[in-house]
């Protein structure tokens, strides 16, 4: 079975997660897709792992606040599939 959901999960595994856990995994995936690990405050740690290793919620929120409207629109387009997973589209794999 293909593991297409954040965290390398299958649909069955993803469905069993609480909404809070799903939200955490989706924010982590957004940070990774947008390359925010290269811009965060804990650069050494995040760059070494090439993924967000700090508080991904704060990292995403702070970086999003500094984006221009055009950058925000591009980021939203790149993460639209992930947003659909949280909005109830459990069957739509990225």
Protein backbone atom coordinates (compact mmCIF):
# COMPACT_ATOMS: atom_id res chain seq x y z
CA UNK A 1 0.00 0.00 0.00
CA UNK A 2 1.37 3.42 -0.96
CA UNK A 3 2.30 5.79 1.86
CA UNK A 4 1.09 9.10 0.45
CA UNK A 5 0.01 10.88 3.60
CA UNK A 6 2.20 13.16 5.76
CA UNK A 7 4.63 11.31 7.98
CA UNK A 8 4.80 8.41 5.52
CA UNK A 9 1.42 7.14 6.61
CA UNK A 10 -1.17 5.15 4.71
CA UNK A 11 -4.82 6.21 4.52
CA UNK A 12 -5.76 3.81 7.33
CA UNK A 13 -3.02 5.17 9.59
CA UNK A 14 -3.91 8.78 8.75
CA UNK A 15 -7.58 8.21 9.50
CA UNK A 16 -6.76 6.96 13.01
CA UNK A 17 -4.93 10.17 14.01
CA UNK A 18 -6.72 12.80 16.05
CA UNK A 19 -7.40 16.13 14.36
CA UNK A 20 -4.72 17.77 16.51
CA UNK A 21 -2.11 15.23 15.35
CA UNK A 22 -3.20 15.64 11.73
CA UNK A 23 -2.83 19.40 12.01
CA UNK A 24 0.68 19.02 13.47
CA UNK A 25 1.76 16.69 10.65
CA UNK A 26 0.28 18.97 8.00
CA UNK A 27 2.05 22.05 9.37
CA UNK A 28 5.29 20.03 9.45
CA UNK A 29 4.75 19.02 5.81
CA UNK A 30 4.00 22.63 4.82
CA UNK A 31 7.21 23.83 6.48
CA UNK A 32 9.14 21.16 4.59
CA UNK A 33 7.47 21.86 1.22
CA UNK A 34 8.10 25.59 1.51
CA UNK A 35 11.67 25.13 2.73
CA UNK A 36 11.05 27.07 5.93
CA UNK A 37 13.62 24.96 7.76
CA UNK A 38 16.31 27.01 5.98
CA UNK A 39 14.89 30.26 7.38
CA UNK A 40 13.96 29.41 10.95
CA UNK A 41 15.54 30.66 14.17
CA UNK A 42 17.12 27.30 14.99
CA UNK A 43 19.00 27.19 11.70
CA UNK A 44 21.81 24.83 12.65
CA UNK A 45 19.54 22.12 13.93
CA UNK A 46 16.95 22.47 11.15
CA UNK A 47 19.48 22.70 8.33
CA UNK A 48 21.33 19.63 9.55
CA UNK A 49 18.11 17.59 9.50
CA UNK A 50 16.72 19.40 6.42
CA UNK A 51 13.34 19.62 8.12
CA UNK A 52 11.75 21.79 10.80
CA UNK A 53 13.00 20.52 14.17
CA UNK A 54 11.69 23.34 16.35
CA UNK A 55 8.17 24.57 16.88
CA UNK A 56 6.77 24.24 13.36
CA UNK A 57 3.58 26.17 14.24
CA UNK A 58 5.55 29.28 15.21
CA UNK A 59 7.94 28.86 12.29
CA UNK A 60 5.10 28.67 9.78
CA UNK A 61 3.12 31.53 11.34
CA UNK A 62 6.11 33.88 11.59
CA UNK A 63 7.31 33.19 8.06
CA UNK A 64 3.78 33.57 6.65
CA UNK A 65 3.46 36.99 8.30
CA UNK A 66 6.58 38.20 6.48
CA UNK A 67 5.46 36.97 3.04
CA UNK A 68 4.12 39.34 0.41
CA UNK A 69 0.64 38.69 -1.01
CA UNK A 70 2.15 37.07 -4.11
CA UNK A 71 4.41 34.79 -2.04
CA UNK A 72 1.49 33.86 0.17
CA UNK A 73 -0.61 32.96 -2.89
CA UNK A 74 2.19 30.74 -4.26
CA UNK A 75 2.61 29.06 -0.88
CA UNK A 76 -1.14 28.46 -0.63
CA UNK A 77 -1.14 26.91 -4.11
CA UNK A 78 1.74 24.57 -3.20
CA UNK A 79 -0.04 23.47 -0.03
CA UNK A 80 -3.63 23.29 -1.32
CA UNK A 81 -3.59 19.48 -1.34
CA UNK A 82 -2.51 19.44 2.29
CA UNK A 83 -5.25 21.88 3.28
CA UNK A 84 -7.79 19.58 1.62
CA UNK A 85 -6.65 16.73 3.88
CA UNK A 86 -7.44 18.75 6.98
CA UNK A 87 -10.73 20.15 5.69
CA UNK A 88 -12.28 16.71 5.64
CA UNK A 89 -10.93 15.37 2.36
CA UNK A 90 -9.57 12.24 3.97
CA UNK A 91 -9.62 10.31 0.73
CA UNK A 92 -7.62 12.83 -1.30
CA UNK A 93 -3.99 11.80 -0.98
CA UNK A 94 -1.25 14.33 -1.84
